[in-house]
Amino acid sequence: MPRRPGTVALALAVSAVLALAIAAAILADSPSHNSSSQTPTTTTGSEQAFNGAALPGNANAPDFKLTDQSGRNVALTDYRGQVVVLTFLYSTCGDTCIVIAQQIRGALNELADEHAHPPTVLIVSADPAVDTQANIRSFLAAVSLSGRVQYLTGTLARLRSVWRAYGVKPASAGAQVFDEYAPVLLLDRAGQERVLFESEELTPEGLSQDIRKLDGDPTRP
């Protein structure tokens, strides 16, 4: 007896579903399918793991010319080829600046104990009105950094351009704002910004380790 048209259509539909299911099963068992679906996602690049916040490493630190505590003219580019620790403090700011300076001193002590190459440390004034030579000498002596760092000052106009270039909040923004945004920045030997420490993240161990990484980075000149 001939099949009714509805029966034929149903049979064709069932056959099509079965064919699709078989094809899907074969594709799932295919080695090429499995290898592509199970390949882990990987990241590329030579960025090292830093204790501070890693920066892209493709931005030159803005240059500046200021005067150190001895009256000597200093340009940031003078230190190309060296790792530079750059921070912004003022001599009468109290605990925040004292703690940051002490953390930097601790990192320098660790590097000295290990006979590692010391970085250049540049402290840029965040308040030139209070950073007189006498106050600077007193501050550096109190934190045991005399002769180990360069404390840079200049005219208010010149310092403002440096603060803007580095996104720094000076003392005039208020103690609370300054304390919140006080940064410590590491520059590599090519003069590029590489690592940023906020004050609450800064430790002598973390800072010294990141300095060593930058000083020995084979991807940099």
C-alpha atoms as a PDB file:
ATOM      1  CA  MET A   1       0.000   0.000   0.000  1.00  0.00           C
ATOM      2  CA  PRO A   2       1.487   3.389  -0.931  1.00  0.00           C
ATOM      3  CA  ARG A   3       2.621   5.713   1.859  1.00  0.00           C
ATOM      4  CA  ARG A   4       0.693   8.881   2.496  1.00  0.00           C
ATOM      5  CA  PRO A   5       2.532  12.133   1.726  1.00  0.00           C
ATOM      6  CA  GLY A   6       2.557  13.060   5.415  1.00  0.00           C
ATOM      7  CA  THR A   7       4.310   9.814   6.326  1.00  0.00           C
ATOM      8  CA  VAL A   8       6.988  10.367   3.675  1.00  0.00           C
ATOM      9  CA  ALA A   9       7.688  13.892   4.953  1.00  0.00           C
ATOM     10  CA  LEU A  10       7.980  12.654   8.517  1.00  0.00           C
ATOM     11  CA  ALA A  11      10.386   9.912   7.488  1.00  0.00           C
ATOM     12  CA  LEU A  12      12.559  12.379   5.588  1.00  0.00           C
ATOM     13  CA  ALA A  13      12.644  14.714   8.567  1.00  0.00           C
ATOM     14  CA  VAL A  14      13.681  11.922  10.936  1.00  0.00           C
ATOM     15  CA  SER A  15      16.412  10.832   8.511  1.00  0.00           C
ATOM     16  CA  ALA A  16      17.748  14.376   8.280  1.00  0.00           C
ATOM     17  CA  VAL A  17      17.915  14.724  12.075  1.00  0.00           C
ATOM     18  CA  LEU A  18      19.732  11.402  12.389  1.00  0.00           C
ATOM     19  CA  ALA A  19      22.232  12.432   9.705  1.00  0.00           C
ATOM     20  CA  LEU A  20      22.975  15.709  11.466  1.00  0.00           C
ATOM     21  CA  ALA A  21      23.472  13.949  14.794  1.00  0.00           C
ATOM     22  CA  ILE A  22      25.915  11.450  13.252  1.00  0.00           C
ATOM     23  CA  ALA A  23      27.883  14.247  11.564  1.00  0.00           C
ATOM     24  CA  ALA A  24      28.108  16.193  14.821  1.00  0.00           C
ATOM     25  CA  ALA A  25      29.383  13.113  16.661  1.00  0.00           C
ATOM     26  CA  ILE A  26      32.064  12.481  14.022  1.00  0.00           C
ATOM     27  CA  LEU A  27      33.191  16.115  14.141  1.00  0.00           C
ATOM     28  CA  ALA A  28      33.410  16.049  17.926  1.00  0.00           C
ATOM     29  CA  ASP A  29      35.665  12.986  17.832  1.00  0.00           C
ATOM     30  CA  SER A  30      37.956  14.502  15.186  1.00  0.00           C
ATOM     31  CA  PRO A  31      41.525  15.110  16.567  1.00  0.00           C
ATOM     32  CA  SER A  32      41.791  18.439  14.797  1.00  0.00           C
ATOM     33  CA  HIS A  33      38.570  19.646  16.422  1.00  0.00           C
ATOM     34  CA  ASN A  34      39.653  18.561  19.895  1.00  0.00           C
ATOM     35  CA  SER A  35      43.095  20.106  19.645  1.00  0.00           C
ATOM     36  CA  SER A  36      41.740  23.446  18.519  1.00  0.00           C
ATOM     37  CA  SER A  37      39.009  23.569  21.138  1.00  0.00           C
ATOM     38  CA  GLN A  38      41.358  22.601  23.974  1.00  0.00           C
ATOM     39  CA  THR A  39      44.246  24.890  23.104  1.00  0.00           C
ATOM     40  CA  PRO A  40      44.709  27.243  26.101  1.00  0.00           C
ATOM     41  CA  THR A  41      44.662  30.965  25.577  1.00  0.00           C
ATOM     42  CA  THR A  42      48.141  32.397  26.052  1.00  0.00           C
ATOM     43  CA  THR A  43      49.439  35.921  26.366  1.00  0.00           C
ATOM     44  CA  THR A  44      52.496  37.219  24.646  1.00  0.00           C
ATOM     45  CA  GLY A  45      55.004  39.854  25.596  1.00  0.00           C
ATOM     46  CA  SER A  46      58.101  40.146  27.738  1.00  0.00           C
ATOM     47  CA  GLU A  47      56.562  42.031  30.655  1.00  0.00           C
ATOM     48  CA  GLN A  48      58.058  40.887  33.910  1.00  0.00           C
ATOM     49  CA  ALA A  49      56.086  40.505  37.108  1.00  0.00           C
ATOM     50  CA  PHE A  50      56.743  43.555  39.258  1.00  0.00           C
ATOM     51  CA  ASN A  51      55.830  44.214  42.861  1.00  0.00           C
ATOM     52  CA  GLY A  52      54.592  47.668  41.917  1.00  0.00           C
ATOM     53  CA  ALA A  53      52.088  48.425  39.181  1.00  0.00           C
ATOM     54  CA  ALA A  54      53.684  47.626  35.811  1.00  0.00           C
ATOM     55  CA  LEU A  55      53.453  50.385  33.216  1.00  0.00           C
ATOM     56  CA  PRO A  56      53.446  49.744  29.446  1.00  0.00           C
ATOM     57  CA  GLY A  57      57.131  50.604  29.109  1.00  0.00           C
ATOM     58  CA  ASN A  58      56.711  52.536  25.876  1.00  0.00           C
ATOM     59  CA  ALA A  59      56.451  56.060  27.297  1.00  0.00           C
ATOM     60  CA  ASN A  60      59.505  58.209  27.871  1.00  0.00           C
ATOM     61  CA  ALA A  61      59.460  59.967  31.232  1.00  0.00           C
ATOM     62  CA  PRO A  62      58.971  63.711  30.669  1.00  0.00           C
ATOM     63  CA  ASP A  63      62.295  65.509  30.929  1.00  0.00           C
ATOM     64  CA  PHE A  64      62.909  68.365  33.325  1.00  0.00           C
ATOM     65  CA  LYS A  65      65.720  70.606  34.522  1.00  0.00           C
ATOM     66  CA  LEU A  66      65.871  71.567  38.192  1.00  0.00           C
ATOM     67  CA  THR A  67      68.452  72.341  40.895  1.00  0.00           C
ATOM     68  CA  ASP A  68      69.643  69.914  43.580  1.00  0.00           C
ATOM     69  CA  GLN A  69      70.372  70.639  47.243  1.00  0.00           C
ATOM     70  CA  SER A  70      73.943  71.612  46.361  1.00  0.00           C
ATOM     71  CA  GLY A  71      72.855  74.178  43.773  1.00  0.00           C
ATOM     72  CA  ARG A  72      73.847  71.973  40.841  1.00  0.00           C
ATOM     73  CA  ASN A  73      71.684  71.979  37.709  1.00  0.00           C
ATOM     74  CA  VAL A  74      70.151  68.565  37.079  1.00  0.00           C
ATOM     75  CA  ALA A  75      68.318  67.233  34.019  1.00  0.00           C
ATOM     76  CA  LEU A  76      66.499  63.914  34.045  1.00  0.00           C
ATOM     77  CA  THR A  77      68.235  62.934  30.811  1.00  0.00           C
ATOM     78  CA  ASP A  78      71.575  63.147  32.655  1.00  0.00           C
ATOM     79  CA  TYR A  79      70.724  59.730  34.104  1.00  0.00           C
ATOM     80  CA  ARG A  80      69.922  57.879  30.904  1.00  0.00           C
ATOM     81  CA  GLY A  81      71.536  54.461  31.205  1.00  0.00           C
ATOM     82  CA  GLN A  82      70.658  54.185  34.897  1.00  0.00           C
ATOM     83  CA  VAL A  83      67.592  53.015  36.784  1.00  0.00           C
ATOM     84  CA  VAL A  84      65.976  56.048  38.409  1.00  0.00           C
ATOM     85  CA  VAL A  85      63.716  56.220  41.460  1.00  0.00           C
ATOM     86  CA  LEU A  86      61.590  59.354  41.122  1.00  0.00           C
ATOM     87  CA  THR A  87      59.307  60.675  43.842  1.00  0.00           C
ATOM     88  CA  PHE A  88      57.679  63.947  44.912  1.00  0.00           C
ATOM     89  CA  LEU A  89      57.926  65.030  48.548  1.00  0.00           C
ATOM     90  CA  TYR A  90      58.239  68.138  50.675  1.00  0.00           C
ATOM     91  CA  SER A  91      60.333  68.524  53.770  1.00  0.00           C
ATOM     92  CA  THR A  92      57.562  69.498  56.210  1.00  0.00           C
ATOM     93  CA  CYS A  93      54.783  67.120  55.117  1.00  0.00           C
ATOM     94  CA  GLY A  94      55.212  64.825  58.094  1.00  0.00           C
ATOM     95  CA  ASP A  95      54.576  61.103  58.307  1.00  0.00           C
ATOM     96  CA  THR A  96      53.761  60.390  54.639  1.00  0.00           C
ATOM     97  CA  CYS A  97      57.013  61.837  53.300  1.00  0.00           C
ATOM     98  CA  ILE A  98      59.037  60.396  56.160  1.00  0.00           C
ATOM     99  CA  VAL A  99      57.676  56.887  55.553  1.00  0.00           C
ATOM    100  CA  ILE A 100      58.236  57.071  51.775  1.00  0.00           C
ATOM    101  CA  ALA A 101      61.798  58.298  52.314  1.00  0.00           C
ATOM    102  CA  GLN A 102      62.452  55.544  54.849  1.00  0.00           C
ATOM    103  CA  GLN A 103      61.145  52.887  52.458  1.00  0.00           C
ATOM    104  CA  ILE A 104      63.476  54.177  49.770  1.00  0.00           C
ATOM    105  CA  ARG A 105      66.358  54.171  52.251  1.00  0.00           C
ATOM    106  CA  GLY A 106      65.511  50.569  53.185  1.00  0.00           C
ATOM    107  CA  ALA A 107      65.620  49.543  49.507  1.00  0.00           C
ATOM    108  CA  LEU A 108      68.996  51.255  49.066  1.00  0.00           C
ATOM    109  CA  ASN A 109      70.305  49.446  52.138  1.00  0.00           C
ATOM    110  CA  GLU A 110      69.136  46.085  50.780  1.00  0.00           C
ATOM    111  CA  LEU A 111      70.810  46.719  47.433  1.00  0.00           C
ATOM    112  CA  ALA A 112      74.021  47.784  49.177  1.00  0.00           C
ATOM    113  CA  ASP A 113      74.010  44.648  51.349  1.00  0.00           C
ATOM    114  CA  GLU A 114      73.730  42.538  48.197  1.00  0.00           C
ATOM    115  CA  HIS A 115      76.391  44.573  46.371  1.00  0.00           C
ATOM    116  CA  ALA A 116      73.814  45.404  43.707  1.00  0.00           C
ATOM    117  CA  HIS A 117      74.138  48.465  41.505  1.00  0.00           C
ATOM    118  CA  PRO A 118      72.397  51.385  43.249  1.00  0.00           C
ATOM    119  CA  PRO A 119      69.804  53.438  41.380  1.00  0.00           C
ATOM    120  CA  THR A 120      69.722  57.193  41.087  1.00  0.00           C
ATOM    121  CA  VAL A 121      67.149  58.616  43.494  1.00  0.00           C
ATOM    122  CA  LEU A 122      65.559  61.947  42.591  1.00  0.00           C
ATOM    123  CA  ILE A 123      63.186  63.673  45.002  1.00  0.00           C
ATOM    124  CA  VAL A 124      61.299  66.540  43.380  1.00  0.00           C
ATOM    125  CA  SER A 125      59.907  69.202  45.685  1.00  0.00           C
ATOM    126  CA  ALA A 126      56.128  69.297  46.017  1.00  0.00           C
ATOM    127  CA  ASP A 127      56.315  72.608  47.926  1.00  0.00           C
ATOM    128  CA  PRO A 128      59.197  74.936  47.031  1.00  0.00           C
ATOM    129  CA  ALA A 129      58.050  77.534  49.567  1.00  0.00           C
ATOM    130  CA  VAL A 130      59.010  75.281  52.495  1.00  0.00           C
ATOM    131  CA  ASP A 131      61.849  73.382  50.818  1.00  0.00           C
ATOM    132  CA  THR A 132      64.645  75.726  51.796  1.00  0.00           C
ATOM    133  CA  GLN A 133      68.172  74.367  51.847  1.00  0.00           C
ATOM    134  CA  ALA A 134      68.053  74.218  55.647  1.00  0.00           C
ATOM    135  CA  ASN A 135      64.765  72.266  55.675  1.00  0.00           C
ATOM    136  CA  ILE A 136      65.993  69.900  52.977  1.00  0.00           C
ATOM    137  CA  ARG A 137      69.206  69.157  54.872  1.00  0.00           C
ATOM    138  CA  SER A 138      67.241  68.569  58.065  1.00  0.00           C
ATOM    139  CA  PHE A 139      64.769  66.254  56.338  1.00  0.00           C
ATOM    140  CA  LEU A 140      67.429  64.172  54.581  1.00  0.00           C
ATOM    141  CA  ALA A 141      69.394  63.839  57.824  1.00  0.00           C
ATOM    142  CA  ALA A 142      66.271  62.734  59.711  1.00  0.00           C
ATOM    143  CA  VAL A 143      65.565  59.932  57.217  1.00  0.00           C
ATOM    144  CA  SER A 144      69.250  58.973  56.800  1.00  0.00           C
ATOM    145  CA  LEU A 145      69.388  59.877  53.107  1.00  0.00           C
ATOM    146  CA  SER A 146      72.018  62.606  53.239  1.00  0.00           C
ATOM    147  CA  GLY A 147      74.453  62.091  50.376  1.00  0.00           C
ATOM    148  CA  ARG A 148      72.370  59.261  48.916  1.00  0.00           C
ATOM    149  CA  VAL A 149      69.709  61.144  46.963  1.00  0.00           C
ATOM    150  CA  GLN A 150      69.262  64.370  45.054  1.00  0.00           C
ATOM    151  CA  TYR A 151      66.543  66.684  46.282  1.00  0.00           C
ATOM    152  CA  LEU A 152      65.429  68.906  43.415  1.00  0.00           C
ATOM    153  CA  THR A 153      63.804  72.321  43.589  1.00  0.00           C
ATOM    154  CA  GLY A 154      63.156  75.213  41.258  1.00  0.00           C
ATOM    155  CA  THR A 155      60.817  78.078  40.594  1.00  0.00           C
ATOM    156  CA  LEU A 156      57.127  77.513  41.213  1.00  0.00           C
ATOM    157  CA  ALA A 157      56.411  77.863  37.477  1.00  0.00           C
ATOM    158  CA  ARG A 158      59.001  75.259  36.555  1.00  0.00           C
ATOM    159  CA  LEU A 159      57.874  72.841  39.251  1.00  0.00           C
ATOM    160  CA  ARG A 160      54.251  73.223  38.214  1.00  0.00           C
ATOM    161  CA  SER A 161      55.145  72.063  34.716  1.00  0.00           C
ATOM    162  CA  VAL A 162      56.837  68.987  36.200  1.00  0.00           C
ATOM    163  CA  TRP A 163      53.867  68.233  38.466  1.00  0.00           C
ATOM    164  CA  ARG A 164      51.482  68.485  35.504  1.00  0.00           C
ATOM    165  CA  ALA A 165      53.688  66.268  33.350  1.00  0.00           C
ATOM    166  CA  TYR A 166      53.642  63.519  36.002  1.00  0.00           C
ATOM    167  CA  GLY A 167      50.080  64.020  37.227  1.00  0.00           C
ATOM    168  CA  VAL A 168      51.277  64.888  40.729  1.00  0.00           C
ATOM    169  CA  LYS A 169      49.133  66.667  43.315  1.00  0.00           C
ATOM    170  CA  PRO A 170      51.397  69.208  45.060  1.00  0.00           C
ATOM    171  CA  ALA A 171      51.225  70.295  48.686  1.00  0.00           C
ATOM    172  CA  SER A 172      48.944  73.175  47.743  1.00  0.00           C
ATOM    173  CA  ALA A 173      46.201  70.643  46.938  1.00  0.00           C
ATOM    174  CA  GLY A 174      46.004  69.872  50.654  1.00  0.00           C
ATOM    175  CA  ALA A 175      47.714  67.325  52.867  1.00  0.00           C
ATOM    176  CA  GLN A 176      45.001  64.682  52.454  1.00  0.00           C
ATOM    177  CA  VAL A 177      45.062  64.864  48.655  1.00  0.00           C
ATOM    178  CA  PHE A 178      48.853  64.860  48.563  1.00  0.00           C
ATOM    179  CA  ASP A 179      49.030  61.861  50.909  1.00  0.00           C
ATOM    180  CA  GLU A 180      46.579  59.915  48.746  1.00  0.00           C
ATOM    181  CA  TYR A 181      48.418  60.459  45.478  1.00  0.00           C
ATOM    182  CA  ALA A 182      52.077  60.543  46.563  1.00  0.00           C
ATOM    183  CA  PRO A 183      53.797  58.266  43.980  1.00  0.00           C
ATOM    184  CA  VAL A 184      57.135  56.536  43.627  1.00  0.00           C
ATOM    185  CA  LEU A 185      58.007  55.920  39.984  1.00  0.00           C
ATOM    186  CA  LEU A 186      60.730  53.668  38.565  1.00  0.00           C
ATOM    187  CA  LEU A 187      62.328  54.566  35.251  1.00  0.00           C
ATOM    188  CA  ASP A 188      64.367  52.043  33.311  1.00  0.00           C
ATOM    189  CA  ARG A 189      67.776  52.635  31.752  1.00  0.00           C
ATOM    190  CA  ALA A 190      66.136  53.813  28.539  1.00  0.00           C
ATOM    191  CA  GLY A 191      64.377  56.593  30.453  1.00  0.00           C
ATOM    192  CA  GLN A 192      60.941  54.994  30.197  1.00  0.00           C
ATOM    193  CA  GLU A 193      58.313  54.778  32.911  1.00  0.00           C
ATOM    194  CA  ARG A 194      58.082  51.145  34.003  1.00  0.00           C
ATOM    195  CA  VAL A 195      56.750  50.741  37.559  1.00  0.00           C
ATOM    196  CA  LEU A 196      54.501  52.827  39.811  1.00  0.00           C
ATOM    197  CA  PHE A 197      54.213  52.416  43.569  1.00  0.00           C
ATOM    198  CA  GLU A 198      51.492  54.145  45.518  1.00  0.00           C
ATOM    199  CA  SER A 199      52.576  55.005  49.045  1.00  0.00           C
ATOM    200  CA  GLU A 200      50.526  52.261  50.739  1.00  0.00           C
ATOM    201  CA  GLU A 201      52.040  49.596  48.442  1.00  0.00           C
ATOM    202  CA  LEU A 202      55.651  50.668  48.911  1.00  0.00           C
ATOM    203  CA  THR A 203      58.018  48.354  50.793  1.00  0.00           C
ATOM    204  CA  PRO A 204      61.828  48.211  50.800  1.00  0.00           C
ATOM    205  CA  GLU A 205      61.734  44.595  49.604  1.00  0.00           C
ATOM    206  CA  GLY A 206      59.332  45.233  46.742  1.00  0.00           C
ATOM    207  CA  LEU A 207      61.148  48.358  45.637  1.00  0.00           C
ATOM    208  CA  SER A 208      64.608  46.784  45.713  1.00  0.00           C
ATOM    209  CA  GLN A 209      63.404  43.726  43.793  1.00  0.00           C
ATOM    210  CA  ASP A 210      61.875  45.850  41.055  1.00  0.00           C
ATOM    211  CA  ILE A 211      65.023  47.972  40.833  1.00  0.00           C
ATOM    212  CA  ARG A 212      67.099  44.819  40.337  1.00  0.00           C
ATOM    213  CA  LYS A 213      64.717  43.563  37.650  1.00  0.00           C
ATOM    214  CA  LEU A 214      64.964  46.808  35.705  1.00  0.00           C
ATOM    215  CA  ASP A 215      68.717  47.019  36.092  1.00  0.00           C
ATOM    216  CA  GLY A 216      69.142  43.495  34.739  1.00  0.00           C
ATOM    217  CA  ASP A 217      66.402  43.633  32.080  1.00  0.00           C
ATOM    218  CA  PRO A 218      68.011  42.145  28.935  1.00  0.00           C
ATOM    219  CA  THR A 219      65.373  43.734  26.683  1.00  0.00           C
ATOM    220  CA  ARG A 220      66.549  47.217  27.555  1.00  0.00           C
ATOM    221  CA  PRO A 221      69.792  48.982  26.569  1.00  0.00           C
END
